[in-house]
Structures are given as structure tokens and as C-alpha cells.
Amino acid sequence: MRNIRHTAQSTLTLAILLGVGTQMAVAHHAYSAFDMSAQRVVTGTIKKVDWTNPHTWIWIDVANEQGIVETWGIEGMSPNYLARRGWSRTTIKQGDKISITFHPMKNGDKGGSFLSAKRPDGTPLVMGGAITDP
């Protein structure tokens, strides 16, 4: 009887862990926070780039309509994904002037999901295809 109870508890614990892990994985890869039907462009100066897993982040200082500088956070793909497409940790760096196109946050926060960018000279930067580092 004790072995049956132990087996049942182990099975229940494993099922719960698998269920929670699956929900976390789905939530991690969901784009529900972003308005995938909309695109927005901001132009500013790179404040910081986080070349970290599971996602890269680009922090860009953008002047609003009143001239007040606001920091926007743009989420990108993983460093591994980007490296396989020609990016490096110095493709975008602090101080770079850049325009970023992204899917904005549904709740209106200053951020979004990276789509592409352009350097002042017009050089495009995309996450889904090859780029050339300057």
C-alpha cells in the first residue's frame, strides 16, 4: 500500500511540474503583451544593450513631443539566434543613433518587440536576416 501511495504522489508531482513548466514555456514565447497588428518607429540614442539570454534588450533614449528624453525598452531575439544571422554584441552599442521599428506594448508602456532598425546612413538592421557590422 505504501508503494502505491508513493507512486501516486510521485506521478502527481511530476504531472504538476510538467504542467507548470509547459505553461512557463508557452508564456515565455508568447507575444501577448505586444500589439502584433501595429508597428511603431522611435528614433534616438542607444543608452544600453543587454546581450543576454533568453532575449536581448535595446534601451534607447527618445525625445518625446515636449523634448523630454524617455527611455524605451525594445526586446529582441536571443544572442545565439542573432549571432547565427551575423550580429555581434557590438552591432548596436551605447551612443549609436538609430531608428527602431517594433511592435508596441498593448498597455502603452514605452517598449516593444524589435522588428528592424536603421542607422543614420540608412543601413538596415534586421533580426531575421543577415547584416553587416560596420
N, C-alpha and C. Protein backbone atom coordinates (compact mmCIF):
# COMPACT_ATOMS: atom_id res chain seq x y z
N MET A 1 0.82 -1.19 0.00
CA MET A 1 0.00 0.00 0.00
C MET A 1 0.87 1.26 0.00
N ARG A 2 1.95 1.21 0.76
CA ARG A 2 2.84 2.36 0.84
C ARG A 2 3.46 2.65 -0.54
N ASN A 3 3.86 1.63 -1.29
CA ASN A 3 4.45 1.82 -2.61
C ASN A 3 3.46 2.45 -3.59
N ILE A 4 2.21 2.06 -3.49
CA ILE A 4 1.18 2.61 -4.37
C ILE A 4 0.99 4.10 -4.07
N ARG A 5 0.93 4.44 -2.78
CA ARG A 5 0.76 5.85 -2.39
C ARG A 5 1.98 6.67 -2.84
N HIS A 6 3.18 6.14 -2.65
CA HIS A 6 4.41 6.82 -3.06
C HIS A 6 4.43 7.03 -4.57
N THR A 7 4.05 6.00 -5.33
CA THR A 7 3.99 6.10 -6.78
C THR A 7 2.96 7.12 -7.22
N ALA A 8 1.81 7.13 -6.57
CA ALA A 8 0.76 8.10 -6.91
C ALA A 8 1.22 9.52 -6.62
N GLN A 9 1.88 9.74 -5.48
CA GLN A 9 2.39 11.08 -5.16
C GLN A 9 3.46 11.51 -6.15
N SER A 10 4.33 10.61 -6.51
CA SER A 10 5.40 10.93 -7.47
C SER A 10 4.81 11.28 -8.83
N THR A 11 3.82 10.52 -9.24
CA THR A 11 3.16 10.78 -10.53
C THR A 11 2.46 12.12 -10.52
N LEU A 12 1.75 12.42 -9.42
CA LEU A 12 1.05 13.70 -9.29
C LEU A 12 2.05 14.86 -9.29
N THR A 13 3.13 14.73 -8.55
CA THR A 13 4.16 15.78 -8.50
C THR A 13 4.76 16.00 -9.89
N LEU A 14 5.07 14.94 -10.60
CA LEU A 14 5.63 15.06 -11.94
C LEU A 14 4.64 15.73 -12.89
N ALA A 15 3.38 15.37 -12.80
CA ALA A 15 2.35 15.98 -13.66
C ALA A 15 2.23 17.47 -13.40
N ILE A 16 2.27 17.86 -12.13
CA ILE A 16 2.18 19.28 -11.78
C ILE A 16 3.40 20.03 -12.31
N LEU A 17 4.58 19.48 -12.10
CA LEU A 17 5.80 20.13 -12.58
C LEU A 17 5.80 20.27 -14.10
N LEU A 18 5.37 19.23 -14.80
CA LEU A 18 5.30 19.31 -16.26
C LEU A 18 4.28 20.35 -16.70
N GLY A 19 3.17 20.41 -16.03
CA GLY A 19 2.14 21.39 -16.37
C GLY A 19 2.62 22.81 -16.16
N VAL A 20 3.25 23.07 -15.03
CA VAL A 20 3.78 24.41 -14.74
C VAL A 20 4.89 24.75 -15.72
N GLY A 21 5.79 23.81 -15.97
CA GLY A 21 6.89 24.05 -16.91
C GLY A 21 6.38 24.35 -18.31
N THR A 22 5.35 23.64 -18.74
CA THR A 22 4.78 23.87 -20.06
C THR A 22 4.14 25.25 -20.14
N GLN A 23 3.41 25.63 -19.09
CA GLN A 23 2.79 26.96 -19.08
C GLN A 23 3.85 28.05 -19.10
N MET A 24 4.95 27.86 -18.36
CA MET A 24 6.01 28.87 -18.35
C MET A 24 6.66 28.97 -19.72
N ALA A 25 6.88 27.85 -20.38
CA ALA A 25 7.50 27.87 -21.71
C ALA A 25 6.60 28.57 -22.71
N VAL A 26 5.31 28.29 -22.66
CA VAL A 26 4.36 28.93 -23.57
C VAL A 26 4.30 30.43 -23.28
N ALA A 27 4.25 30.79 -22.01
CA ALA A 27 4.19 32.21 -21.64
C ALA A 27 5.45 32.92 -22.07
N HIS A 28 6.61 32.27 -21.94
CA HIS A 28 7.87 32.89 -22.31
C HIS A 28 7.91 33.23 -23.79
N HIS A 29 7.36 32.38 -24.61
CA HIS A 29 7.43 32.59 -26.05
C HIS A 29 6.18 33.26 -26.62
N ALA A 30 5.27 33.65 -25.76
CA ALA A 30 4.06 34.32 -26.22
C ALA A 30 4.34 35.78 -26.50
N TYR A 31 3.63 36.33 -27.44
CA TYR A 31 3.75 37.73 -27.79
C TYR A 31 2.49 38.48 -27.37
N SER A 32 1.79 37.96 -26.36
CA SER A 32 0.52 38.54 -25.96
C SER A 32 0.64 39.96 -25.41
N ALA A 33 1.81 40.35 -24.93
CA ALA A 33 1.99 41.71 -24.39
C ALA A 33 2.15 42.75 -25.50
N PHE A 34 2.43 42.28 -26.72
CA PHE A 34 2.69 43.19 -27.83
C PHE A 34 1.50 43.27 -28.77
N ASP A 35 1.29 44.43 -29.35
CA ASP A 35 0.25 44.60 -30.37
C ASP A 35 0.87 44.21 -31.70
N MET A 36 0.69 42.94 -32.08
CA MET A 36 1.33 42.40 -33.27
C MET A 36 0.70 42.94 -34.56
N SER A 37 -0.42 43.64 -34.45
CA SER A 37 -1.05 44.22 -35.64
C SER A 37 -0.57 45.65 -35.89
N ALA A 38 0.23 46.18 -34.97
CA ALA A 38 0.69 47.57 -35.09
C ALA A 38 2.21 47.63 -35.14
N GLN A 39 2.70 48.69 -35.77
CA GLN A 39 4.13 48.96 -35.79
C GLN A 39 4.35 50.41 -35.40
N ARG A 40 5.46 50.64 -34.74
CA ARG A 40 5.81 51.99 -34.33
C ARG A 40 7.30 52.19 -34.59
N VAL A 41 7.71 53.43 -34.81
CA VAL A 41 9.12 53.75 -35.01
C VAL A 41 9.51 54.82 -34.01
N VAL A 42 10.64 54.61 -33.34
CA VAL A 42 11.24 55.64 -32.49
C VAL A 42 12.66 55.87 -32.98
N THR A 43 13.12 57.11 -32.83
CA THR A 43 14.47 57.48 -33.21
C THR A 43 15.15 58.11 -32.01
N GLY A 44 16.36 57.65 -31.73
CA GLY A 44 17.06 58.19 -30.58
C GLY A 44 18.48 57.68 -30.49
N THR A 45 19.00 57.70 -29.28
CA THR A 45 20.38 57.29 -28.99
C THR A 45 20.37 56.06 -28.09
N ILE A 46 21.17 55.07 -28.46
CA ILE A 46 21.24 53.85 -27.66
C ILE A 46 21.84 54.17 -26.29
N LYS A 47 21.09 53.82 -25.26
CA LYS A 47 21.53 54.02 -23.88
C LYS A 47 22.30 52.79 -23.40
N LYS A 48 21.79 51.61 -23.78
CA LYS A 48 22.37 50.36 -23.29
C LYS A 48 21.88 49.22 -24.15
N VAL A 49 22.71 48.19 -24.29
CA VAL A 49 22.29 46.96 -24.97
C VAL A 49 22.58 45.81 -24.03
N ASP A 50 21.56 45.02 -23.73
CA ASP A 50 21.74 43.82 -22.92
C ASP A 50 21.82 42.62 -23.85
N TRP A 51 23.01 42.09 -24.05
CA TRP A 51 23.27 40.93 -24.92
C TRP A 51 23.20 39.70 -24.02
N THR A 52 21.98 39.37 -23.58
CA THR A 52 21.79 38.32 -22.58
C THR A 52 20.67 37.37 -23.01
N ASN A 53 20.73 36.17 -22.45
CA ASN A 53 19.67 35.19 -22.66
C ASN A 53 18.59 35.41 -21.62
N PRO A 54 17.35 35.12 -21.91
CA PRO A 54 16.89 34.48 -23.14
C PRO A 54 16.62 35.47 -24.27
N HIS A 55 16.60 36.77 -23.98
CA HIS A 55 16.34 37.76 -25.02
C HIS A 55 17.29 38.93 -24.86
N THR A 56 17.66 39.52 -25.99
CA THR A 56 18.43 40.76 -25.95
C THR A 56 17.47 41.91 -25.70
N TRP A 57 18.01 42.99 -25.16
CA TRP A 57 17.22 44.20 -24.93
C TRP A 57 18.01 45.39 -25.42
N ILE A 58 17.34 46.28 -26.12
CA ILE A 58 17.92 47.54 -26.56
C ILE A 58 17.20 48.64 -25.80
N TRP A 59 17.96 49.46 -25.09
CA TRP A 59 17.42 50.58 -24.35
C TRP A 59 17.79 51.84 -25.11
N ILE A 60 16.80 52.58 -25.56
CA ILE A 60 17.03 53.73 -26.41
C ILE A 60 16.38 54.98 -25.81
N ASP A 61 17.17 56.06 -25.75
CA ASP A 61 16.66 57.34 -25.26
C ASP A 61 16.03 58.09 -26.42
N VAL A 62 14.77 58.46 -26.25
CA VAL A 62 13.98 59.11 -27.29
C VAL A 62 13.36 60.38 -26.72
N ALA A 63 13.49 61.48 -27.44
CA ALA A 63 12.86 62.73 -27.02
C ALA A 63 11.38 62.68 -27.40
N ASN A 64 10.50 62.97 -26.42
CA ASN A 64 9.07 62.99 -26.73
C ASN A 64 8.67 64.32 -27.35
N GLU A 65 7.37 64.53 -27.54
CA GLU A 65 6.87 65.75 -28.20
C GLU A 65 7.25 67.02 -27.44
N GLN A 66 7.43 66.92 -26.13
CA GLN A 66 7.80 68.08 -25.31
C GLN A 66 9.32 68.24 -25.19
N GLY A 67 10.07 67.35 -25.84
CA GLY A 67 11.52 67.41 -25.79
C GLY A 67 12.13 66.71 -24.58
N ILE A 68 11.29 66.04 -23.80
CA ILE A 68 11.77 65.30 -22.63
C ILE A 68 12.24 63.92 -23.08
N VAL A 69 13.45 63.55 -22.66
CA VAL A 69 14.01 62.27 -23.06
C VAL A 69 13.41 61.15 -22.22
N GLU A 70 12.90 60.13 -22.91
CA GLU A 70 12.32 58.95 -22.28
C GLU A 70 13.09 57.73 -22.76
N THR A 71 13.27 56.76 -21.88
CA THR A 71 13.96 55.53 -22.25
C THR A 71 12.94 54.46 -22.63
N TRP A 72 13.12 53.90 -23.82
CA TRP A 72 12.27 52.83 -24.33
C TRP A 72 13.05 51.52 -24.25
N GLY A 73 12.37 50.42 -23.92
CA GLY A 73 12.97 49.10 -23.89
C GLY A 73 12.41 48.24 -25.01
N ILE A 74 13.29 47.81 -25.90
CA ILE A 74 12.87 47.00 -27.05
C ILE A 74 13.48 45.60 -26.91
N GLU A 75 12.60 44.62 -26.88
CA GLU A 75 13.03 43.22 -26.72
C GLU A 75 13.36 42.61 -28.06
N GLY A 76 14.49 41.89 -28.11
CA GLY A 76 14.90 41.22 -29.33
C GLY A 76 15.07 39.72 -29.13
N MET A 77 15.60 39.08 -30.13
CA MET A 77 15.83 37.64 -30.07
C MET A 77 17.05 37.34 -29.21
N SER A 78 17.33 36.05 -29.00
CA SER A 78 18.46 35.64 -28.17
C SER A 78 19.79 35.95 -28.85
N PRO A 79 20.86 36.11 -28.07
CA PRO A 79 22.18 36.33 -28.68
C PRO A 79 22.57 35.22 -29.66
N ASN A 80 22.25 33.98 -29.33
CA ASN A 80 22.58 32.85 -30.20
C ASN A 80 21.87 32.98 -31.55
N TYR A 81 20.59 33.29 -31.51
CA TYR A 81 19.81 33.49 -32.73
C TYR A 81 20.42 34.60 -33.57
N LEU A 82 20.73 35.71 -32.93
CA LEU A 82 21.28 36.86 -33.65
C LEU A 82 22.68 36.57 -34.21
N ALA A 83 23.51 35.90 -33.42
CA ALA A 83 24.87 35.58 -33.88
C ALA A 83 24.84 34.71 -35.14
N ARG A 84 23.88 33.80 -35.21
CA ARG A 84 23.76 32.95 -36.41
C ARG A 84 23.34 33.75 -37.63
N ARG A 85 22.88 34.98 -37.42
CA ARG A 85 22.43 35.84 -38.52
C ARG A 85 23.35 37.04 -38.72
N GLY A 86 24.56 36.96 -38.16
CA GLY A 86 25.56 37.98 -38.43
C GLY A 86 25.71 39.08 -37.40
N TRP A 87 24.90 39.07 -36.35
CA TRP A 87 25.00 40.09 -35.31
C TRP A 87 26.14 39.74 -34.35
N SER A 88 26.65 40.75 -33.67
CA SER A 88 27.57 40.55 -32.55
C SER A 88 27.15 41.50 -31.44
N ARG A 89 27.81 41.39 -30.29
CA ARG A 89 27.43 42.26 -29.18
C ARG A 89 27.73 43.72 -29.46
N THR A 90 28.47 44.03 -30.55
CA THR A 90 28.77 45.42 -30.90
C THR A 90 28.03 45.91 -32.14
N THR A 91 27.10 45.13 -32.64
CA THR A 91 26.32 45.57 -33.81
C THR A 91 25.58 46.87 -33.48
N ILE A 92 24.98 46.91 -32.32
CA ILE A 92 24.36 48.13 -31.79
C ILE A 92 25.01 48.37 -30.44
N LYS A 93 25.51 49.60 -30.25
CA LYS A 93 26.20 49.88 -28.99
C LYS A 93 25.82 51.26 -28.44
N GLN A 94 26.15 51.45 -27.18
CA GLN A 94 25.84 52.70 -26.49
C GLN A 94 26.35 53.89 -27.31
N GLY A 95 25.49 54.90 -27.45
CA GLY A 95 25.85 56.11 -28.17
C GLY A 95 25.44 56.12 -29.63
N ASP A 96 25.11 54.94 -30.20
CA ASP A 96 24.67 54.88 -31.60
C ASP A 96 23.35 55.63 -31.76
N LYS A 97 23.23 56.37 -32.84
CA LYS A 97 21.96 56.99 -33.23
C LYS A 97 21.26 55.97 -34.12
N ILE A 98 19.96 55.77 -33.89
CA ILE A 98 19.27 54.71 -34.62
C ILE A 98 17.76 54.95 -34.60
N SER A 99 17.08 54.44 -35.62
CA SER A 99 15.61 54.39 -35.66
C SER A 99 15.21 52.93 -35.56
N ILE A 100 14.31 52.61 -34.65
CA ILE A 100 13.88 51.23 -34.44
C ILE A 100 12.39 51.10 -34.74
N THR A 101 12.06 50.09 -35.54
CA THR A 101 10.67 49.74 -35.82
C THR A 101 10.33 48.52 -34.97
N PHE A 102 9.18 48.56 -34.30
CA PHE A 102 8.83 47.49 -33.37
C PHE A 102 7.32 47.36 -33.24
N HIS A 103 6.90 46.22 -32.69
CA HIS A 103 5.51 46.03 -32.28
C HIS A 103 5.39 46.64 -30.89
N PRO A 104 4.51 47.63 -30.70
CA PRO A 104 4.42 48.30 -29.40
C PRO A 104 3.72 47.43 -28.35
N MET A 105 3.88 47.84 -27.09
CA MET A 105 3.20 47.18 -25.99
C MET A 105 1.70 47.49 -26.07
N LYS A 106 0.89 46.51 -25.79
CA LYS A 106 -0.57 46.72 -25.80
C LYS A 106 -1.00 47.70 -24.73
N ASN A 107 -0.31 47.71 -23.61
CA ASN A 107 -0.73 48.56 -22.49
C ASN A 107 -0.20 49.99 -22.59
N GLY A 108 0.53 50.30 -23.66
CA GLY A 108 1.02 51.66 -23.86
C GLY A 108 2.35 51.97 -23.21
N ASP A 109 2.95 51.01 -22.51
CA ASP A 109 4.28 51.24 -21.93
C ASP A 109 5.29 51.53 -23.03
N LYS A 110 6.38 52.15 -22.67
CA LYS A 110 7.42 52.55 -23.61
C LYS A 110 8.33 51.37 -23.92
N GLY A 111 7.87 50.53 -24.83
CA GLY A 111 8.64 49.35 -25.20
C GLY A 111 7.95 48.57 -26.28
N GLY A 112 8.60 47.47 -26.67
CA GLY A 112 8.00 46.64 -27.69
C GLY A 112 8.91 45.50 -28.11
N SER A 113 8.52 44.87 -29.21
CA SER A 113 9.23 43.73 -29.77
C SER A 113 9.89 44.16 -31.08
N PHE A 114 11.21 44.06 -31.14
CA PHE A 114 12.03 44.52 -32.25
C PHE A 114 11.61 43.89 -33.59
N LEU A 115 11.50 44.73 -34.61
CA LEU A 115 11.29 44.26 -35.98
C LEU A 115 12.50 44.57 -36.85
N SER A 116 12.94 45.84 -36.84
CA SER A 116 14.09 46.24 -37.64
C SER A 116 14.60 47.58 -37.13
N ALA A 117 15.72 48.02 -37.70
CA ALA A 117 16.27 49.32 -37.33
C ALA A 117 17.03 49.88 -38.52
N LYS A 118 17.29 51.18 -38.45
CA LYS A 118 18.11 51.83 -39.48
C LYS A 118 19.10 52.74 -38.80
N ARG A 119 20.33 52.66 -39.29
CA ARG A 119 21.36 53.59 -38.85
C ARG A 119 21.14 54.91 -39.58
N PRO A 120 21.73 56.00 -39.11
CA PRO A 120 21.56 57.30 -39.77
C PRO A 120 21.94 57.31 -41.26
N ASP A 121 22.88 56.43 -41.65
CA ASP A 121 23.27 56.37 -43.07
C ASP A 121 22.33 55.51 -43.90
N GLY A 122 21.27 54.97 -43.25
CA GLY A 122 20.29 54.16 -43.97
C GLY A 122 20.55 52.67 -43.91
N THR A 123 21.67 52.24 -43.33
CA THR A 123 21.98 50.81 -43.22
C THR A 123 20.91 50.12 -42.38
N PRO A 124 20.24 49.10 -42.96
CA PRO A 124 19.20 48.39 -42.21
C PRO A 124 19.78 47.34 -41.27
N LEU A 125 19.10 47.11 -40.17
CA LEU A 125 19.44 46.05 -39.22
C LEU A 125 18.16 45.25 -38.99
N VAL A 126 18.20 43.97 -39.30
CA VAL A 126 17.04 43.11 -39.09
C VAL A 126 17.45 41.89 -38.28
N MET A 127 16.53 41.37 -37.51
CA MET A 127 16.84 40.20 -36.70
C MET A 127 16.67 38.91 -37.48
N GLY A 128 15.90 38.94 -38.53
CA GLY A 128 15.61 37.71 -39.24
C GLY A 128 16.53 37.42 -40.41
N GLY A 129 17.45 38.33 -40.73
CA GLY A 129 18.32 38.11 -41.88
C GLY A 129 19.72 38.59 -41.60
N ALA A 130 20.58 38.40 -42.56
CA ALA A 130 21.98 38.76 -42.38
C ALA A 130 22.16 40.27 -42.38
N ILE A 131 23.13 40.72 -41.62
CA ILE A 131 23.50 42.14 -41.58
C ILE A 131 25.01 42.20 -41.67
N THR A 132 25.53 43.37 -41.82
CA THR A 132 26.97 43.56 -41.84
C THR A 132 27.35 44.53 -40.74
N ASP A 133 28.24 44.11 -39.86
CA ASP A 133 28.72 45.02 -38.83
C ASP A 133 29.57 46.11 -39.48
N PRO A 134 29.48 47.34 -38.95
CA PRO A 134 30.30 48.40 -39.51
C PRO A 134 31.76 48.20 -39.15
